Amino acid sequence: MTNRYVYGIMNDDPVEFETDAVGGADRVYTVSHRRLNAVVSDIDTTDPEETDEDAQRHDDVLREIMDRDGGRAIVPMQFGMAFENDRALKNVLRGARPAFRRALNDIEGRVELGLKVVREEDAEVDDDAIEEAVAETLEPIAAQSVPNDLFSDRLVLNRSYLVDRDERERFDDAVAELEAEYDEDLMFRYTGPFAPYSFVDVKIGSQQ
């Protein structure tokens, strides 16, 4: 396993720990360039197949990093980012360093949370009024939010929120209040915390 599979980029101290990693690896560590640290494991390919098991391992590693030392910021990479060696990876870190620094600054001390509001079957609700009520309640608490696809005709709202860790309890309580207010007509599917995929836009190419 001479290639490097990348989970994400952080700027905290390097890490190393044993875990079930992508592609059968059992150790996660960091490859550093200046103050950037790529969280990686060894892998025997630069084009890994995205199985359900490895996708879960990818997310589990990100969650492990996010939960360390009271909460670390990490710019998550999409599944499948792998490089032939440390040199190729460091070249990418060097070239994308300003973009990574900006992204890390944006997500420092924050987590991504998701909310789907689903109309109960046969319920008649005013979608615009619901969206407005949710926005008035949650937007003042969140640092940022972005809409996601309404992939079902019963979805009234599907949105991701970037929330300060210190505001997490307040945000949880606000969602609970909304759920209690609309419990007869709507289902609230509240998920997270996740690595902030929805709030970073740093694209790098894998080296094959």
C-alpha atoms as a PDB file:
ATOM      1  CA  MET A   1       0.000   0.000   0.000  1.00  0.00           C
ATOM      2  CA  THR A   2       2.188   2.844  -1.260  1.00  0.00           C
ATOM      3  CA  ASN A   3      -0.545   5.309  -2.277  1.00  0.00           C
ATOM      4  CA  ARG A   4      -2.146   7.889  -0.005  1.00  0.00           C
ATOM      5  CA  TYR A   5      -5.909   8.014   0.439  1.00  0.00           C
ATOM      6  CA  VAL A   6      -7.055  11.451   1.665  1.00  0.00           C
ATOM      7  CA  TYR A   7      -9.969  12.052   4.045  1.00  0.00           C
ATOM      8  CA  GLY A   8      -9.565  15.771   4.578  1.00  0.00           C
ATOM      9  CA  ILE A   9      -7.270  18.689   5.340  1.00  0.00           C
ATOM     10  CA  MET A  10      -6.755  20.348   8.704  1.00  0.00           C
ATOM     11  CA  ASN A  11      -4.346  22.846  10.254  1.00  0.00           C
ATOM     12  CA  ASP A  12      -4.118  21.479  13.797  1.00  0.00           C
ATOM     13  CA  ASP A  13      -1.385  19.270  15.204  1.00  0.00           C
ATOM     14  CA  PRO A  14      -0.675  16.025  13.300  1.00  0.00           C
ATOM     15  CA  VAL A  15      -2.608  12.915  14.307  1.00  0.00           C
ATOM     16  CA  GLU A  16      -2.026   9.188  14.180  1.00  0.00           C
ATOM     17  CA  PHE A  17      -4.417   6.472  15.331  1.00  0.00           C
ATOM     18  CA  GLU A  18      -5.466   2.922  14.575  1.00  0.00           C
ATOM     19  CA  THR A  19      -8.902   2.352  13.057  1.00  0.00           C
ATOM     20  CA  ASP A  20     -10.695   0.494  10.265  1.00  0.00           C
ATOM     21  CA  ALA A  21      -9.734   2.696   7.330  1.00  0.00           C
ATOM     22  CA  VAL A  22     -10.625   2.754   3.621  1.00  0.00           C
ATOM     23  CA  GLY A  23      -9.273  -0.084   1.494  1.00  0.00           C
ATOM     24  CA  GLY A  24      -8.441  -2.368   4.397  1.00  0.00           C
ATOM     25  CA  ALA A  25      -5.884  -0.101   6.056  1.00  0.00           C
ATOM     26  CA  ASP A  26      -5.726  -0.057   9.845  1.00  0.00           C
ATOM     27  CA  ARG A  27      -3.914   3.229  10.516  1.00  0.00           C
ATOM     28  CA  VAL A  28      -4.700   6.889   9.860  1.00  0.00           C
ATOM     29  CA  TYR A  29      -1.984   9.563  10.011  1.00  0.00           C
ATOM     30  CA  THR A  30      -1.082  12.944   8.533  1.00  0.00           C
ATOM     31  CA  VAL A  31       1.095  14.147   5.670  1.00  0.00           C
ATOM     32  CA  SER A  32       2.143  17.738   6.317  1.00  0.00           C
ATOM     33  CA  HIS A  33       3.097  20.736   4.204  1.00  0.00           C
ATOM     34  CA  ARG A  34       3.893  23.825   6.224  1.00  0.00           C
ATOM     35  CA  ARG A  35       0.877  24.205   8.567  1.00  0.00           C
ATOM     36  CA  LEU A  36      -1.533  22.074   6.532  1.00  0.00           C
ATOM     37  CA  ASN A  37      -2.053  18.435   7.444  1.00  0.00           C
ATOM     38  CA  ALA A  38      -3.683  15.942   5.082  1.00  0.00           C
ATOM     39  CA  VAL A  39      -5.384  13.130   6.997  1.00  0.00           C
ATOM     40  CA  VAL A  40      -4.543   9.939   5.094  1.00  0.00           C
ATOM     41  CA  SER A  41      -4.245   6.181   5.160  1.00  0.00           C
ATOM     42  CA  ASP A  42      -2.292   3.857   2.885  1.00  0.00           C
ATOM     43  CA  ILE A  43      -4.076   2.225  -0.031  1.00  0.00           C
ATOM     44  CA  ASP A  44      -3.042  -0.021  -2.931  1.00  0.00           C
ATOM     45  CA  THR A  45      -4.845   1.930  -5.667  1.00  0.00           C
ATOM     46  CA  THR A  46      -5.421   5.506  -6.804  1.00  0.00           C
ATOM     47  CA  ASP A  47      -8.950   4.658  -7.954  1.00  0.00           C
ATOM     48  CA  PRO A  48     -10.751   3.057  -4.987  1.00  0.00           C
ATOM     49  CA  GLU A  49     -14.202   1.571  -5.446  1.00  0.00           C
ATOM     50  CA  GLU A  50     -16.851   3.281  -3.332  1.00  0.00           C
ATOM     51  CA  THR A  51     -18.447   0.455  -1.382  1.00  0.00           C
ATOM     52  CA  ASP A  52     -20.965   1.153   1.378  1.00  0.00           C
ATOM     53  CA  GLU A  53     -18.460  -0.149   3.914  1.00  0.00           C
ATOM     54  CA  ASP A  54     -15.621   2.102   2.772  1.00  0.00           C
ATOM     55  CA  ALA A  55     -17.916   5.126   2.448  1.00  0.00           C
ATOM     56  CA  GLN A  56     -18.854   4.607   6.093  1.00  0.00           C
ATOM     57  CA  ARG A  57     -15.176   4.261   7.047  1.00  0.00           C
ATOM     58  CA  HIS A  58     -14.419   7.526   5.263  1.00  0.00           C
ATOM     59  CA  ASP A  59     -17.141   9.302   7.267  1.00  0.00           C
ATOM     60  CA  ASP A  60     -16.081   7.627  10.509  1.00  0.00           C
ATOM     61  CA  VAL A  61     -12.513   8.924  10.149  1.00  0.00           C
ATOM     62  CA  LEU A  62     -13.796  12.460   9.566  1.00  0.00           C
ATOM     63  CA  ARG A  63     -16.026  12.180  12.624  1.00  0.00           C
ATOM     64  CA  GLU A  64     -13.087  10.928  14.709  1.00  0.00           C
ATOM     65  CA  ILE A  65     -11.078  14.002  13.717  1.00  0.00           C
ATOM     66  CA  MET A  66     -14.004  16.352  14.373  1.00  0.00           C
ATOM     67  CA  ASP A  67     -14.488  14.924  17.878  1.00  0.00           C
ATOM     68  CA  ARG A  68     -10.838  15.168  18.939  1.00  0.00           C
ATOM     69  CA  ASP A  69      -9.573  17.674  21.480  1.00  0.00           C
ATOM     70  CA  GLY A  70     -12.947  19.318  21.958  1.00  0.00           C
ATOM     71  CA  GLY A  71     -13.575  19.665  18.231  1.00  0.00           C
ATOM     72  CA  ARG A  72     -11.232  20.062  15.285  1.00  0.00           C
ATOM     73  CA  ALA A  73     -11.926  21.721  11.946  1.00  0.00           C
ATOM     74  CA  ILE A  74     -11.320  19.612   8.846  1.00  0.00           C
ATOM     75  CA  VAL A  75     -12.018  20.346   5.188  1.00  0.00           C
ATOM     76  CA  PRO A  76     -13.544  17.058   4.008  1.00  0.00           C
ATOM     77  CA  MET A  77     -12.586  15.474   0.703  1.00  0.00           C
ATOM     78  CA  GLN A  78     -15.114  13.542  -1.342  1.00  0.00           C
ATOM     79  CA  PHE A  79     -14.650   9.776  -1.358  1.00  0.00           C
ATOM     80  CA  GLY A  80     -11.965   8.468  -3.716  1.00  0.00           C
ATOM     81  CA  MET A  81      -9.227  11.103  -3.492  1.00  0.00           C
ATOM     82  CA  ALA A  82      -5.918   9.217  -3.655  1.00  0.00           C
ATOM     83  CA  PHE A  83      -2.330  10.089  -4.602  1.00  0.00           C
ATOM     84  CA  GLU A  84       0.643   8.030  -5.692  1.00  0.00           C
ATOM     85  CA  ASN A  85       2.963   9.297  -2.956  1.00  0.00           C
ATOM     86  CA  ASP A  86       3.630  12.014  -0.391  1.00  0.00           C
ATOM     87  CA  ARG A  87       5.327  14.243  -2.924  1.00  0.00           C
ATOM     88  CA  ALA A  88       2.291  14.339  -5.221  1.00  0.00           C
ATOM     89  CA  LEU A  89       0.031  15.113  -2.273  1.00  0.00           C
ATOM     90  CA  LYS A  90       2.313  17.854  -0.945  1.00  0.00           C
ATOM     91  CA  ASN A  91       2.382  19.482  -4.390  1.00  0.00           C
ATOM     92  CA  VAL A  92      -1.413  19.742  -4.233  1.00  0.00           C
ATOM     93  CA  LEU A  93      -1.329  21.109  -0.689  1.00  0.00           C
ATOM     94  CA  ARG A  94       1.171  23.713  -1.835  1.00  0.00           C
ATOM     95  CA  GLY A  95      -0.895  24.800  -4.829  1.00  0.00           C
ATOM     96  CA  ALA A  96      -4.237  24.891  -3.015  1.00  0.00           C
ATOM     97  CA  ARG A  97      -2.915  26.296   0.255  1.00  0.00           C
ATOM     98  CA  PRO A  98      -4.743  29.665   0.065  1.00  0.00           C
ATOM     99  CA  ALA A  99      -8.055  27.950  -0.704  1.00  0.00           C
ATOM    100  CA  PHE A 100      -7.623  25.475   2.157  1.00  0.00           C
ATOM    101  CA  ARG A 101      -6.713  28.267   4.569  1.00  0.00           C
ATOM    102  CA  ARG A 102      -9.857  30.209   3.643  1.00  0.00           C
ATOM    103  CA  ALA A 103     -12.039  27.125   3.967  1.00  0.00           C
ATOM    104  CA  LEU A 104     -10.569  26.222   7.358  1.00  0.00           C
ATOM    105  CA  ASN A 105     -11.136  29.749   8.581  1.00  0.00           C
ATOM    106  CA  ASP A 106     -14.790  29.570   7.491  1.00  0.00           C
ATOM    107  CA  ILE A 107     -15.517  26.281   9.293  1.00  0.00           C
ATOM    108  CA  GLU A 108     -13.368  26.690  12.406  1.00  0.00           C
ATOM    109  CA  GLY A 109     -15.429  25.826  15.496  1.00  0.00           C
ATOM    110  CA  ARG A 110     -18.471  24.870  13.418  1.00  0.00           C
ATOM    111  CA  VAL A 111     -20.353  21.746  12.318  1.00  0.00           C
ATOM    112  CA  GLU A 112     -22.845  20.963   9.577  1.00  0.00           C
ATOM    113  CA  LEU A 113     -26.404  20.008  10.526  1.00  0.00           C
ATOM    114  CA  GLY A 114     -29.185  18.918   8.189  1.00  0.00           C
ATOM    115  CA  LEU A 115     -32.944  19.466   8.311  1.00  0.00           C
ATOM    116  CA  LYS A 116     -35.611  17.953   6.104  1.00  0.00           C
ATOM    117  CA  VAL A 117     -39.232  18.986   6.636  1.00  0.00           C
ATOM    118  CA  VAL A 118     -41.628  16.423   5.169  1.00  0.00           C
ATOM    119  CA  ARG A 119     -45.355  16.886   4.668  1.00  0.00           C
ATOM    120  CA  GLU A 120     -47.478  14.116   6.151  1.00  0.00           C
ATOM    121  CA  GLU A 121     -49.633  12.302   3.612  1.00  0.00           C
ATOM    122  CA  ASP A 122     -52.841  14.227   2.857  1.00  0.00           C
ATOM    123  CA  ALA A 123     -51.742  17.172   5.033  1.00  0.00           C
ATOM    124  CA  GLU A 124     -52.473  20.615   3.619  1.00  0.00           C
ATOM    125  CA  VAL A 125     -49.816  23.152   4.548  1.00  0.00           C
ATOM    126  CA  ASP A 126     -48.596  26.469   3.210  1.00  0.00           C
ATOM    127  CA  ASP A 127     -45.065  25.636   2.026  1.00  0.00           C
ATOM    128  CA  ASP A 128     -44.016  29.282   1.805  1.00  0.00           C
ATOM    129  CA  ALA A 129     -45.224  29.975   5.344  1.00  0.00           C
ATOM    130  CA  ILE A 130     -43.354  26.936   6.660  1.00  0.00           C
ATOM    131  CA  GLU A 131     -40.139  27.977   4.926  1.00  0.00           C
ATOM    132  CA  GLU A 132     -40.501  31.485   6.343  1.00  0.00           C
ATOM    133  CA  ALA A 133     -41.117  30.191   9.872  1.00  0.00           C
ATOM    134  CA  VAL A 134     -38.105  27.883   9.725  1.00  0.00           C
ATOM    135  CA  ALA A 135     -35.912  30.649   8.331  1.00  0.00           C
ATOM    136  CA  GLU A 136     -36.989  33.128  11.017  1.00  0.00           C
ATOM    137  CA  THR A 137     -36.233  30.576  13.727  1.00  0.00           C
ATOM    138  CA  LEU A 138     -32.998  28.982  12.522  1.00  0.00           C
ATOM    139  CA  GLU A 139     -31.188  31.483  10.296  1.00  0.00           C
ATOM    140  CA  PRO A 140     -30.332  33.872  13.171  1.00  0.00           C
ATOM    141  CA  ILE A 141     -28.602  31.002  14.970  1.00  0.00           C
ATOM    142  CA  ALA A 142     -26.711  29.481  12.021  1.00  0.00           C
ATOM    143  CA  ALA A 143     -23.552  31.018  10.604  1.00  0.00           C
ATOM    144  CA  GLN A 144     -24.560  29.950   7.071  1.00  0.00           C
ATOM    145  CA  SER A 145     -27.128  27.773   5.341  1.00  0.00           C
ATOM    146  CA  VAL A 146     -27.603  26.323   1.873  1.00  0.00           C
ATOM    147  CA  PRO A 147     -30.605  24.678   0.177  1.00  0.00           C
ATOM    148  CA  ASN A 148     -30.534  21.059  -0.997  1.00  0.00           C
ATOM    149  CA  ASP A 149     -32.613  19.277  -3.622  1.00  0.00           C
ATOM    150  CA  LEU A 150     -36.328  18.790  -2.998  1.00  0.00           C
ATOM    151  CA  PHE A 151     -36.237  15.235  -4.332  1.00  0.00           C
ATOM    152  CA  SER A 152     -39.792  14.368  -3.223  1.00  0.00           C
ATOM    153  CA  ASP A 153     -43.061  16.234  -3.693  1.00  0.00           C
ATOM    154  CA  ARG A 154     -43.652  15.825   0.046  1.00  0.00           C
ATOM    155  CA  LEU A 155     -40.433  17.658   0.938  1.00  0.00           C
ATOM    156  CA  VAL A 156     -41.262  21.160   2.081  1.00  0.00           C
ATOM    157  CA  LEU A 157     -37.676  22.060   2.998  1.00  0.00           C
ATOM    158  CA  ASN A 158     -34.263  20.425   2.700  1.00  0.00           C
ATOM    159  CA  ARG A 159     -31.431  22.552   4.012  1.00  0.00           C
ATOM    160  CA  SER A 160     -27.950  22.319   5.509  1.00  0.00           C
ATOM    161  CA  TYR A 161     -26.785  24.640   8.266  1.00  0.00           C
ATOM    162  CA  LEU A 162     -23.300  25.588   9.435  1.00  0.00           C
ATOM    163  CA  VAL A 163     -23.576  26.100  13.180  1.00  0.00           C
ATOM    164  CA  ASP A 164     -21.052  27.186  15.790  1.00  0.00           C
ATOM    165  CA  ARG A 165     -20.389  24.383  18.256  1.00  0.00           C
ATOM    166  CA  ASP A 166     -21.256  26.810  21.054  1.00  0.00           C
ATOM    167  CA  GLU A 167     -24.679  27.384  19.455  1.00  0.00           C
ATOM    168  CA  ARG A 168     -25.449  23.707  18.918  1.00  0.00           C
ATOM    169  CA  GLU A 169     -27.736  23.329  21.953  1.00  0.00           C
ATOM    170  CA  ARG A 170     -29.641  26.491  21.063  1.00  0.00           C
ATOM    171  CA  PHE A 171     -30.072  25.244  17.492  1.00  0.00           C
ATOM    172  CA  ASP A 172     -31.255  21.823  18.732  1.00  0.00           C
ATOM    173  CA  ASP A 173     -33.846  23.488  20.959  1.00  0.00           C
ATOM    174  CA  ALA A 174     -35.078  25.699  18.099  1.00  0.00           C
ATOM    175  CA  VAL A 175     -35.609  22.676  15.843  1.00  0.00           C
ATOM    176  CA  ALA A 176     -37.473  20.901  18.665  1.00  0.00           C
ATOM    177  CA  GLU A 177     -39.763  23.912  19.086  1.00  0.00           C
ATOM    178  CA  LEU A 178     -40.580  23.929  15.378  1.00  0.00           C
ATOM    179  CA  GLU A 179     -41.246  20.205  15.442  1.00  0.00           C
ATOM    180  CA  ALA A 180     -43.629  20.579  18.378  1.00  0.00           C
ATOM    181  CA  GLU A 181     -45.479  23.423  16.654  1.00  0.00           C
ATOM    182  CA  TYR A 182     -46.107  21.489  13.423  1.00  0.00           C
ATOM    183  CA  ASP A 183     -46.193  17.909  14.711  1.00  0.00           C
ATOM    184  CA  GLU A 184     -49.638  17.093  13.243  1.00  0.00           C
ATOM    185  CA  ASP A 185     -48.816  18.010   9.644  1.00  0.00           C
ATOM    186  CA  LEU A 186     -45.035  17.739   9.258  1.00  0.00           C
ATOM    187  CA  MET A 187     -42.151  15.388  10.018  1.00  0.00           C
ATOM    188  CA  PHE A 188     -38.827  16.968  10.945  1.00  0.00           C
ATOM    189  CA  ARG A 189     -35.766  14.882  10.035  1.00  0.00           C
ATOM    190  CA  TYR A 190     -32.865  16.504  11.835  1.00  0.00           C
ATOM    191  CA  THR A 191     -29.418  14.988  11.240  1.00  0.00           C
ATOM    192  CA  GLY A 192     -25.758  15.581  12.045  1.00  0.00           C
ATOM    193  CA  PRO A 193     -23.284  16.731  12.973  1.00  0.00           C
ATOM    194  CA  PHE A 194     -21.429  16.121   9.722  1.00  0.00           C
ATOM    195  CA  ALA A 195     -18.155  17.244   8.258  1.00  0.00           C
ATOM    196  CA  PRO A 196     -19.027  20.520   6.480  1.00  0.00           C
ATOM    197  CA  TYR A 197     -19.178  19.248   2.882  1.00  0.00           C
ATOM    198  CA  SER A 198     -21.873  21.764   1.974  1.00  0.00           C
ATOM    199  CA  PHE A 199     -19.784  24.764   2.997  1.00  0.00           C
ATOM    200  CA  VAL A 200     -16.396  24.129   1.391  1.00  0.00           C
ATOM    201  CA  ASP A 201     -15.579  24.262  -2.288  1.00  0.00           C
ATOM    202  CA  VAL A 202     -11.963  23.223  -2.661  1.00  0.00           C
ATOM    203  CA  LYS A 203     -11.503  20.896  -5.613  1.00  0.00           C
ATOM    204  CA  ILE A 204      -8.242  19.041  -6.138  1.00  0.00           C
ATOM    205  CA  GLY A 205      -7.357  16.372  -8.648  1.00  0.00           C
ATOM    206  CA  SER A 206      -6.178  12.920  -7.661  1.00  0.00           C
ATOM    207  CA  GLN A 207      -2.824  11.751  -8.979  1.00  0.00           C
ATOM    208  CA  GLN A 208      -3.026   8.495 -10.908  1.00  0.00           C
END
